[in-house]
Amino acid sequence: MHVRTEEEIGLLIRERRKGMGLDQAGLAAQVGVSRQWVVEVEKGKSRAEIGLVLRTFRVLGITLNATVPGAARTADQTPPGSIEIDDVIDRARGERSGE
């Protein structure tokens, strides 16, 4: 999974939240933030507090993996149940355009 922007983090959170059957208010309650905070993060809020984003990841069961540039990643290093961010982005773009 490649996450490069705040918007991609927001899409990842949104997709996982929906996949778990949570609404924004339900996620907010579990994370300990306002629903408005969830709305903003899902839209790609660039100044979201990293601690709250990481707490959101924990609630959603998202594991953050970092790759060092130049380091090769093999298929057996990909965690089971990984979400391919490019697929999430493509689906989200399709929803916005009415596809």
PDB file of N, CA and C in Angstrom:
ATOM      1  N   MET A   1       0.846  -1.169   0.000  1.00  0.00           N
ATOM      2  CA  MET A   1       0.000   0.000   0.000  1.00  0.00           C
ATOM      3  C   MET A   1       0.893   1.235   0.000  1.00  0.00           C
ATOM      4  N   HIS A   2       0.547   2.172  -0.832  1.00  0.00           N
ATOM      5  CA  HIS A   2       1.314   3.404  -0.914  1.00  0.00           C
ATOM      6  C   HIS A   2       0.415   4.569  -0.529  1.00  0.00           C
ATOM      7  N   VAL A   3       0.755   5.239   0.563  1.00  0.00           N
ATOM      8  CA  VAL A   3       0.022   6.430   0.998  1.00  0.00           C
ATOM      9  C   VAL A   3       0.969   7.601   0.849  1.00  0.00           C
ATOM     10  N   ARG A   4       0.595   8.525  -0.015  1.00  0.00           N
ATOM     11  CA  ARG A   4       1.487   9.636  -0.319  1.00  0.00           C
ATOM     12  C   ARG A   4       0.943  10.987   0.103  1.00  0.00           C
ATOM     13  N   THR A   5      -0.358  11.094   0.305  1.00  0.00           N
ATOM     14  CA  THR A   5      -0.947  12.394   0.594  1.00  0.00           C
ATOM     15  C   THR A   5      -1.960  12.300   1.735  1.00  0.00           C
ATOM     16  N   GLU A   6      -2.319  13.454   2.248  1.00  0.00           N
ATOM     17  CA  GLU A   6      -3.345  13.516   3.286  1.00  0.00           C
ATOM     18  C   GLU A   6      -4.669  12.992   2.754  1.00  0.00           C
ATOM     19  N   GLU A   7      -4.951  13.286   1.494  1.00  0.00           N
ATOM     20  CA  GLU A   7      -6.199  12.825   0.881  1.00  0.00           C
ATOM     21  C   GLU A   7      -6.248  11.305   0.823  1.00  0.00           C
ATOM     22  N   GLU A   8      -5.117  10.676   0.542  1.00  0.00           N
ATOM     23  CA  GLU A   8      -5.073   9.212   0.491  1.00  0.00           C
ATOM     24  C   GLU A   8      -5.264   8.604   1.877  1.00  0.00           C
ATOM     25  N   ILE A   9      -4.740   9.254   2.905  1.00  0.00           N
ATOM     26  CA  ILE A   9      -4.997   8.788   4.273  1.00  0.00           C
ATOM     27  C   ILE A   9      -6.491   8.888   4.567  1.00  0.00           C
ATOM     28  N   GLY A  10      -7.091  10.005   4.182  1.00  0.00           N
ATOM     29  CA  GLY A  10      -8.520  10.184   4.395  1.00  0.00           C
ATOM     30  C   GLY A  10      -9.350   9.142   3.681  1.00  0.00           C
ATOM     31  N   LEU A  11      -8.991   8.839   2.440  1.00  0.00           N
ATOM     32  CA  LEU A  11      -9.709   7.816   1.681  1.00  0.00           C
ATOM     33  C   LEU A  11      -9.550   6.440   2.315  1.00  0.00           C
ATOM     34  N   LEU A  12      -8.367   6.152   2.802  1.00  0.00           N
ATOM     35  CA  LEU A  12      -8.115   4.881   3.469  1.00  0.00           C
ATOM     36  C   LEU A  12      -9.006   4.751   4.704  1.00  0.00           C
ATOM     37  N   ILE A  13      -9.057   5.799   5.509  1.00  0.00           N
ATOM     38  CA  ILE A  13      -9.894   5.786   6.714  1.00  0.00           C
ATOM     39  C   ILE A  13     -11.356   5.616   6.340  1.00  0.00           C
ATOM     40  N   ARG A  14     -11.811   6.381   5.366  1.00  0.00           N
ATOM     41  CA  ARG A  14     -13.211   6.331   4.944  1.00  0.00           C
ATOM     42  C   ARG A  14     -13.598   4.941   4.445  1.00  0.00           C
ATOM     43  N   GLU A  15     -12.762   4.376   3.590  1.00  0.00           N
ATOM     44  CA  GLU A  15     -13.041   3.065   3.013  1.00  0.00           C
ATOM     45  C   GLU A  15     -13.098   1.988   4.095  1.00  0.00           C
ATOM     46  N   ARG A  16     -12.154   2.026   5.007  1.00  0.00           N
ATOM     47  CA  ARG A  16     -12.121   1.025   6.082  1.00  0.00           C
ATOM     48  C   ARG A  16     -13.321   1.201   7.014  1.00  0.00           C
ATOM     49  N   ARG A  17     -13.638   2.452   7.346  1.00  0.00           N
ATOM     50  CA  ARG A  17     -14.778   2.736   8.222  1.00  0.00           C
ATOM     51  C   ARG A  17     -16.056   2.168   7.608  1.00  0.00           C
ATOM     52  N   LYS A  18     -16.269   2.460   6.329  1.00  0.00           N
ATOM     53  CA  LYS A  18     -17.461   1.967   5.645  1.00  0.00           C
ATOM     54  C   LYS A  18     -17.461   0.439   5.572  1.00  0.00           C
ATOM     55  N   GLY A  19     -16.298  -0.132   5.321  1.00  0.00           N
ATOM     56  CA  GLY A  19     -16.181  -1.586   5.256  1.00  0.00           C
ATOM     57  C   GLY A  19     -16.517  -2.264   6.569  1.00  0.00           C
ATOM     58  N   MET A  20     -16.310  -1.552   7.657  1.00  0.00           N
ATOM     59  CA  MET A  20     -16.623  -2.078   8.989  1.00  0.00           C
ATOM     60  C   MET A  20     -18.061  -1.767   9.395  1.00  0.00           C
ATOM     61  N   GLY A  21     -18.779  -1.057   8.523  1.00  0.00           N
ATOM     62  CA  GLY A  21     -20.164  -0.723   8.835  1.00  0.00           C
ATOM     63  C   GLY A  21     -20.324   0.386   9.861  1.00  0.00           C
ATOM     64  N   LEU A  22     -19.309   1.213  10.006  1.00  0.00           N
ATOM     65  CA  LEU A  22     -19.359   2.329  10.963  1.00  0.00           C
ATOM     66  C   LEU A  22     -19.766   3.611  10.253  1.00  0.00           C
ATOM     67  N   ASP A  23     -20.570   4.416  10.918  1.00  0.00           N
ATOM     68  CA  ASP A  23     -20.798   5.758  10.391  1.00  0.00           C
ATOM     69  C   ASP A  23     -19.765   6.688  11.028  1.00  0.00           C
ATOM     70  N   GLN A  24     -19.718   7.919  10.561  1.00  0.00           N
ATOM     71  CA  GLN A  24     -18.709   8.853  11.066  1.00  0.00           C
ATOM     72  C   GLN A  24     -18.868   9.109  12.559  1.00  0.00           C
ATOM     73  N   ALA A  25     -20.092   9.201  13.035  1.00  0.00           N
ATOM     74  CA  ALA A  25     -20.327   9.441  14.464  1.00  0.00           C
ATOM     75  C   ALA A  25     -19.847   8.262  15.304  1.00  0.00           C
ATOM     76  N   GLY A  26     -20.081   7.052  14.811  1.00  0.00           N
ATOM     77  CA  GLY A  26     -19.637   5.863  15.541  1.00  0.00           C
ATOM     78  C   GLY A  26     -18.125   5.777  15.630  1.00  0.00           C
ATOM     79  N   LEU A  27     -17.449   6.078  14.534  1.00  0.00           N
ATOM     80  CA  LEU A  27     -15.985   6.086  14.550  1.00  0.00           C
ATOM     81  C   LEU A  27     -15.484   7.167  15.491  1.00  0.00           C
ATOM     82  N   ALA A  28     -16.093   8.345  15.403  1.00  0.00           N
ATOM     83  CA  ALA A  28     -15.680   9.458  16.263  1.00  0.00           C
ATOM     84  C   ALA A  28     -15.788   9.077  17.735  1.00  0.00           C
ATOM     85  N   ALA A  29     -16.867   8.420  18.102  1.00  0.00           N
ATOM     86  CA  ALA A  29     -17.056   8.020  19.500  1.00  0.00           C
ATOM     87  C   ALA A  29     -15.973   7.043  19.946  1.00  0.00           C
ATOM     88  N   GLN A  30     -15.622   6.098  19.090  1.00  0.00           N
ATOM     89  CA  GLN A  30     -14.601   5.115  19.447  1.00  0.00           C
ATOM     90  C   GLN A  30     -13.205   5.736  19.539  1.00  0.00           C
ATOM     91  N   VAL A  31     -12.940   6.720  18.688  1.00  0.00           N
ATOM     92  CA  VAL A  31     -11.623   7.366  18.681  1.00  0.00           C
ATOM     93  C   VAL A  31     -11.521   8.416  19.785  1.00  0.00           C
ATOM     94  N   GLY A  32     -12.679   9.004  20.147  1.00  0.00           N
ATOM     95  CA  GLY A  32     -12.681  10.064  21.158  1.00  0.00           C
ATOM     96  C   GLY A  32     -12.510  11.439  20.551  1.00  0.00           C
ATOM     97  N   VAL A  33     -13.059  11.614  19.350  1.00  0.00           N
ATOM     98  CA  VAL A  33     -12.993  12.897  18.646  1.00  0.00           C
ATOM     99  C   VAL A  33     -14.410  13.271  18.223  1.00  0.00           C
ATOM    100  N   SER A  34     -14.554  14.450  17.649  1.00  0.00           N
ATOM    101  CA  SER A  34     -15.863  14.869  17.156  1.00  0.00           C
ATOM    102  C   SER A  34     -16.123  14.257  15.775  1.00  0.00           C
ATOM    103  N   ARG A  35     -17.383  14.186  15.399  1.00  0.00           N
ATOM    104  CA  ARG A  35     -17.738  13.727  14.057  1.00  0.00           C
ATOM    105  C   ARG A  35     -17.113  14.659  13.018  1.00  0.00           C
ATOM    106  N   GLN A  36     -17.087  15.957  13.328  1.00  0.00           N
ATOM    107  CA  GLN A  36     -16.509  16.926  12.398  1.00  0.00           C
ATOM    108  C   GLN A  36     -15.031  16.622  12.141  1.00  0.00           C
ATOM    109  N   TRP A  37     -14.302  16.172  13.159  1.00  0.00           N
ATOM    110  CA  TRP A  37     -12.899  15.813  12.981  1.00  0.00           C
ATOM    111  C   TRP A  37     -12.789  14.672  11.971  1.00  0.00           C
ATOM    112  N   VAL A  38     -13.641  13.664  12.101  1.00  0.00           N
ATOM    113  CA  VAL A  38     -13.630  12.539  11.167  1.00  0.00           C
ATOM    114  C   VAL A  38     -13.922  13.038   9.752  1.00  0.00           C
ATOM    115  N   VAL A  39     -14.927  13.900   9.615  1.00  0.00           N
ATOM    116  CA  VAL A  39     -15.268  14.468   8.301  1.00  0.00           C
ATOM    117  C   VAL A  39     -14.041  15.135   7.689  1.00  0.00           C
ATOM    118  N   GLU A  40     -13.367  15.957   8.470  1.00  0.00           N
ATOM    119  CA  GLU A  40     -12.212  16.699   7.961  1.00  0.00           C
ATOM    120  C   GLU A  40     -11.051  15.779   7.591  1.00  0.00           C
ATOM    121  N   VAL A  41     -10.787  14.785   8.418  1.00  0.00           N
ATOM    122  CA  VAL A  41      -9.695  13.862   8.125  1.00  0.00           C
ATOM    123  C   VAL A  41     -10.007  13.066   6.860  1.00  0.00           C
ATOM    124  N   GLU A  42     -11.245  12.633   6.716  1.00  0.00           N
ATOM    125  CA  GLU A  42     -11.612  11.884   5.515  1.00  0.00           C
ATOM    126  C   GLU A  42     -11.504  12.741   4.257  1.00  0.00           C
ATOM    127  N   LYS A  43     -11.589  14.049   4.409  1.00  0.00           N
ATOM    128  CA  LYS A  43     -11.416  14.959   3.275  1.00  0.00           C
ATOM    129  C   LYS A  43      -9.945  15.302   3.031  1.00  0.00           C
ATOM    130  N   GLY A  44      -9.048  14.826   3.910  1.00  0.00           N
ATOM    131  CA  GLY A  44      -7.621  15.069   3.713  1.00  0.00           C
ATOM    132  C   GLY A  44      -7.078  16.243   4.495  1.00  0.00           C
ATOM    133  N   LYS A  45      -7.639  16.508   5.675  1.00  0.00           N
ATOM    134  CA  LYS A  45      -7.162  17.615   6.515  1.00  0.00           C
ATOM    135  C   LYS A  45      -5.654  17.501   6.726  1.00  0.00           C
ATOM    136  N   SER A  46      -4.928  18.520   6.315  1.00  0.00           N
ATOM    137  CA  SER A  46      -3.467  18.442   6.361  1.00  0.00           C
ATOM    138  C   SER A  46      -2.885  18.698   7.749  1.00  0.00           C
ATOM    139  N   ARG A  47      -3.666  19.255   8.648  1.00  0.00           N
ATOM    140  CA  ARG A  47      -3.138  19.564   9.973  1.00  0.00           C
ATOM    141  C   ARG A  47      -3.711  18.665  11.061  1.00  0.00           C
ATOM    142  N   ALA A  48      -4.176  17.492  10.678  1.00  0.00           N
ATOM    143  CA  ALA A  48      -4.709  16.549  11.658  1.00  0.00           C
ATOM    144  C   ALA A  48      -3.575  16.077  12.569  1.00  0.00           C
ATOM    145  N   GLU A  49      -3.863  16.020  13.849  1.00  0.00           N
ATOM    146  CA  GLU A  49      -2.859  15.591  14.830  1.00  0.00           C
ATOM    147  C   GLU A  49      -2.497  14.127  14.573  1.00  0.00           C
ATOM    148  N   ILE A  50      -1.215  13.855  14.446  1.00  0.00           N
ATOM    149  CA  ILE A  50      -0.744  12.507  14.103  1.00  0.00           C
ATOM    150  C   ILE A  50      -1.178  11.476  15.147  1.00  0.00           C
ATOM    151  N   GLY A  51      -1.186  11.852  16.403  1.00  0.00           N
ATOM    152  CA  GLY A  51      -1.606  10.922  17.454  1.00  0.00           C
ATOM    153  C   GLY A  51      -3.053  10.488  17.275  1.00  0.00           C
ATOM    154  N   LEU A  52      -3.906  11.412  16.876  1.00  0.00           N
ATOM    155  CA  LEU A  52      -5.310  11.077  16.644  1.00  0.00           C
ATOM    156  C   LEU A  52      -5.480  10.230  15.388  1.00  0.00           C
ATOM    157  N   VAL A  53      -4.692  10.511  14.373  1.00  0.00           N
ATOM    158  CA  VAL A  53      -4.740   9.692  13.159  1.00  0.00           C
ATOM    159  C   VAL A  53      -4.304   8.266  13.492  1.00  0.00           C
ATOM    160  N   LEU A  54      -3.236   8.120  14.267  1.00  0.00           N
ATOM    161  CA  LEU A  54      -2.774   6.785  14.646  1.00  0.00           C
ATOM    162  C   LEU A  54      -3.796   6.075  15.526  1.00  0.00           C
ATOM    163  N   ARG A  55      -4.463   6.802  16.411  1.00  0.00           N
ATOM    164  CA  ARG A  55      -5.523   6.215  17.233  1.00  0.00           C
ATOM    165  C   ARG A  55      -6.670   5.734  16.328  1.00  0.00           C
ATOM    166  N   THR A  56      -6.989   6.521  15.319  1.00  0.00           N
ATOM    167  CA  THR A  56      -8.028   6.135  14.356  1.00  0.00           C
ATOM    168  C   THR A  56      -7.621   4.857  13.634  1.00  0.00           C
ATOM    169  N   PHE A  57      -6.367   4.780  13.227  1.00  0.00           N
ATOM    170  CA  PHE A  57      -5.869   3.559  12.589  1.00  0.00           C
ATOM    171  C   PHE A  57      -6.047   2.358  13.519  1.00  0.00           C
ATOM    172  N   ARG A  58      -5.712   2.517  14.800  1.00  0.00           N
ATOM    173  CA  ARG A  58      -5.849   1.410  15.752  1.00  0.00           C
ATOM    174  C   ARG A  58      -7.305   0.962  15.861  1.00  0.00           C
ATOM    175  N   VAL A  59      -8.210   1.911  15.984  1.00  0.00           N
ATOM    176  CA  VAL A  59      -9.636   1.584  16.083  1.00  0.00           C
ATOM    177  C   VAL A  59     -10.100   0.821  14.840  1.00  0.00           C
ATOM    178  N   LEU A  60      -9.602   1.222  13.679  1.00  0.00           N
ATOM    179  CA  LEU A  60     -10.005   0.599  12.423  1.00  0.00           C
ATOM    180  C   LEU A  60      -9.200  -0.658  12.085  1.00  0.00           C
ATOM    181  N   GLY A  61      -8.201  -0.966  12.906  1.00  0.00           N
ATOM    182  CA  GLY A  61      -7.373  -2.148  12.648  1.00  0.00           C
ATOM    183  C   GLY A  61      -6.411  -1.965  11.495  1.00  0.00           C
ATOM    184  N   ILE A  62      -6.050  -0.716  11.209  1.00  0.00           N
ATOM    185  CA  ILE A  62      -5.107  -0.416  10.131  1.00  0.00           C
ATOM    186  C   ILE A  62      -3.701  -0.422  10.715  1.00  0.00           C
ATOM    187  N   THR A  63      -2.811  -1.166  10.079  1.00  0.00           N
ATOM    188  CA  THR A  63      -1.416  -1.201  10.487  1.00  0.00           C
ATOM    189  C   THR A  63      -0.610  -0.342   9.527  1.00  0.00           C
ATOM    190  N   LEU A  64       0.233   0.495  10.080  1.00  0.00           N
ATOM    191  CA  LEU A  64       1.058   1.380   9.276  1.00  0.00           C
ATOM    192  C   LEU A  64       2.415   0.721   9.068  1.00  0.00           C
ATOM    193  N   ASN A  65       2.796   0.555   7.794  1.00  0.00           N
ATOM    194  CA  ASN A  65       4.097  -0.005   7.445  1.00  0.00           C
ATOM    195  C   ASN A  65       4.852   1.026   6.624  1.00  0.00           C
ATOM    196  N   ALA A  66       6.101   1.247   6.959  1.00  0.00           N
ATOM    197  CA  ALA A  66       6.918   2.213   6.230  1.00  0.00           C
ATOM    198  C   ALA A  66       7.967   1.472   5.411  1.00  0.00           C
ATOM    199  N   THR A  67       8.265   2.017   4.245  1.00  0.00           N
ATOM    200  CA  THR A  67       9.282   1.451   3.380  1.00  0.00           C
ATOM    201  C   THR A  67      10.375   2.490   3.160  1.00  0.00           C
ATOM    202  N   VAL A  68      11.594   2.076   3.298  1.00  0.00           N
ATOM    203  CA  VAL A  68      12.728   2.953   3.070  1.00  0.00           C
ATOM    204  C   VAL A  68      13.000   2.984   1.573  1.00  0.00           C
ATOM    205  N   PRO A  69      13.170   4.189   0.991  1.00  0.00           N
ATOM    206  CA  PRO A  69      13.457   4.261  -0.447  1.00  0.00           C
ATOM    207  C   PRO A  69      14.672   3.400  -0.802  1.00  0.00           C
ATOM    208  N   GLY A  70      14.535   2.667  -1.886  1.00  0.00           N
ATOM    209  CA  GLY A  70      15.622   1.816  -2.343  1.00  0.00           C
ATOM    210  C   GLY A  70      15.590   0.412  -1.767  1.00  0.00           C
ATOM    211  N   ALA A  71      14.783   0.202  -0.729  1.00  0.00           N
ATOM    212  CA  ALA A  71      14.688  -1.134  -0.142  1.00  0.00           C
ATOM    213  C   ALA A  71      13.662  -1.948  -0.920  1.00  0.00           C
ATOM    214  N   ALA A  72      14.040  -3.146  -1.304  1.00  0.00           N
ATOM    215  CA  ALA A  72      13.132  -4.013  -2.058  1.00  0.00           C
ATOM    216  C   ALA A  72      12.094  -4.610  -1.118  1.00  0.00           C
ATOM    217  N   ARG A  73      10.867  -4.713  -1.592  1.00  0.00           N
ATOM    218  CA  ARG A  73       9.797  -5.339  -0.820  1.00  0.00           C
ATOM    219  C   ARG A  73       9.331  -6.568  -1.589  1.00  0.00           C
ATOM    220  N   THR A  74       9.336  -7.692  -0.921  1.00  0.00           N
ATOM    221  CA  THR A  74       8.906  -8.926  -1.572  1.00  0.00           C
ATOM    222  C   THR A  74       7.444  -9.197  -1.258  1.00  0.00           C
ATOM    223  N   ALA A  75       6.838 -10.055  -2.049  1.00  0.00           N
ATOM    224  CA  ALA A  75       5.417 -10.368  -1.882  1.00  0.00           C
ATOM    225  C   ALA A  75       5.128 -10.933  -0.506  1.00  0.00           C
ATOM    226  N   ASP A  76       6.060 -11.697   0.078  1.00  0.00           N
ATOM    227  CA  ASP A  76       5.789 -12.293   1.386  1.00  0.00           C
ATOM    228  C   ASP A  76       5.850 -11.273   2.520  1.00  0.00           C
ATOM    229  N   GLN A  77       6.241 -10.040   2.252  1.00  0.00           N
ATOM    230  CA  GLN A  77       6.246  -8.994   3.266  1.00  0.00           C
ATOM    231  C   GLN A  77       4.914  -8.248   3.315  1.00  0.00           C
ATOM    232  N   THR A  78       4.030  -8.487   2.361  1.00  0.00           N
ATOM    233  CA  THR A  78       2.744  -7.809   2.329  1.00  0.00           C
ATOM    234  C   THR A  78       1.823  -8.474   3.333  1.00  0.00           C
ATOM    235  N   PRO A  79       1.341  -7.719   4.331  1.00  0.00           N
ATOM    236  CA  PRO A  79       0.489  -8.319   5.357  1.00  0.00           C
ATOM    237  C   PRO A  79      -0.833  -8.798   4.774  1.00  0.00           C
ATOM    238  N   PRO A  80      -1.347  -9.926   5.294  1.00  0.00           N
ATOM    239  CA  PRO A  80      -2.641 -10.396   4.822  1.00  0.00           C
ATOM    240  C   PRO A  80      -3.724  -9.363   5.128  1.00  0.00           C
ATOM    241  N   GLY A  81      -4.677  -9.218   4.227  1.00  0.00           N
ATOM    242  CA  GLY A  81      -5.754  -8.261   4.434  1.00  0.00           C
ATOM    243  C   GLY A  81      -5.350  -6.830   4.143  1.00  0.00           C
ATOM    244  N   SER A  82      -4.199  -6.639   3.499  1.00  0.00           N
ATOM    245  CA  SER A  82      -3.749  -5.293   3.165  1.00  0.00           C
ATOM    246  C   SER A  82      -4.727  -4.630   2.212  1.00  0.00           C
ATOM    247  N   ILE A  83      -4.811  -3.327   2.307  1.00  0.00           N
ATOM    248  CA  ILE A  83      -5.643  -2.553   1.400  1.00  0.00           C
ATOM    249  C   ILE A  83      -4.719  -1.849   0.419  1.00  0.00           C
ATOM    250  N   GLU A  84      -4.964  -2.024  -0.861  1.00  0.00           N
ATOM    251  CA  GLU A  84      -4.171  -1.343  -1.883  1.00  0.00           C
ATOM    252  C   GLU A  84      -4.742   0.051  -2.059  1.00  0.00           C
ATOM    253  N   ILE A  85      -4.004   1.068  -1.654  1.00  0.00           N
ATOM    254  CA  ILE A  85      -4.507   2.440  -1.653  1.00  0.00           C
ATOM    255  C   ILE A  85      -4.919   2.900  -3.039  1.00  0.00           C
ATOM    256  N   ASP A  86      -4.244   2.439  -4.080  1.00  0.00           N
ATOM    257  CA  ASP A  86      -4.622   2.837  -5.428  1.00  0.00           C
ATOM    258  C   ASP A  86      -6.028   2.349  -5.772  1.00  0.00           C
ATOM    259  N   ASP A  87      -6.402   1.147  -5.298  1.00  0.00           N
ATOM    260  CA  ASP A  87      -7.756   0.638  -5.514  1.00  0.00           C
ATOM    261  C   ASP A  87      -8.779   1.479  -4.767  1.00  0.00           C
ATOM    262  N   VAL A  88      -8.447   1.882  -3.539  1.00  0.00           N
ATOM    263  CA  VAL A  88      -9.342   2.723  -2.740  1.00  0.00           C
ATOM    264  C   VAL A  88      -9.578   4.054  -3.452  1.00  0.00           C
ATOM    265  N   ILE A  89      -8.511   4.644  -3.955  1.00  0.00           N
ATOM    266  CA  ILE A  89      -8.616   5.936  -4.644  1.00  0.00           C
ATOM    267  C   ILE A  89      -9.456   5.801  -5.912  1.00  0.00           C
ATOM    268  N   ASP A  90      -9.214   4.742  -6.670  1.00  0.00           N
ATOM    269  CA  ASP A  90      -9.982   4.535  -7.898  1.00  0.00           C
ATOM    270  C   ASP A  90     -11.467   4.378  -7.593  1.00  0.00           C
ATOM    271  N   ARG A  91     -11.806   3.609  -6.550  1.00  0.00           N
ATOM    272  CA  ARG A  91     -13.216   3.432  -6.183  1.00  0.00           C
ATOM    273  C   ARG A  91     -13.829   4.747  -5.738  1.00  0.00           C
ATOM    274  N   ALA A  92     -13.091   5.518  -4.940  1.00  0.00           N
ATOM    275  CA  ALA A  92     -13.613   6.794  -4.455  1.00  0.00           C
ATOM    276  C   ALA A  92     -13.836   7.765  -5.610  1.00  0.00           C
ATOM    277  N   ARG A  93     -12.940   7.786  -6.544  1.00  0.00           N
ATOM    278  CA  ARG A  93     -13.107   8.662  -7.707  1.00  0.00           C
ATOM    279  C   ARG A  93     -14.310   8.240  -8.531  1.00  0.00           C
ATOM    280  N   GLY A  94     -14.542   6.950  -8.632  1.00  0.00           N
ATOM    281  CA  GLY A  94     -15.698   6.444  -9.356  1.00  0.00           C
ATOM    282  C   GLY A  94     -17.002   6.863  -8.691  1.00  0.00           C
ATOM    283  N   GLU A  95     -17.042   6.836  -7.334  1.00  0.00           N
ATOM    284  CA  GLU A  95     -18.235   7.257  -6.590  1.00  0.00           C
ATOM    285  C   GLU A  95     -18.532   8.727  -6.834  1.00  0.00           C
ATOM    286  N   ARG A  96     -17.506   9.543  -6.874  1.00  0.00           N
ATOM    287  CA  ARG A  96     -17.697  10.990  -7.054  1.00  0.00           C
ATOM    288  C   ARG A  96     -18.200  11.327  -8.459  1.00  0.00           C
ATOM    289  N   SER A  97     -17.760  10.545  -9.446  1.00  0.00           N
ATOM    290  CA  SER A  97     -18.155  10.854 -10.826  1.00  0.00           C
ATOM    291  C   SER A  97     -19.456  10.180 -11.215  1.00  0.00           C
ATOM    292  N   GLY A  98     -20.035   9.404 -10.284  1.00  0.00           N
ATOM    293  CA  GLY A  98     -21.309   8.758 -10.540  1.00  0.00           C
ATOM    294  C   GLY A  98     -21.214   7.450 -11.279  1.00  0.00           C
ATOM    295  N   GLU A  99     -20.044   6.878 -11.344  1.00  0.00           N
ATOM    296  CA  GLU A  99     -19.863   5.587 -12.036  1.00  0.00           C
ATOM    297  C   GLU A  99     -20.366   4.456 -11.184  1.00  0.00           C
TER     298      GLU A  99
END
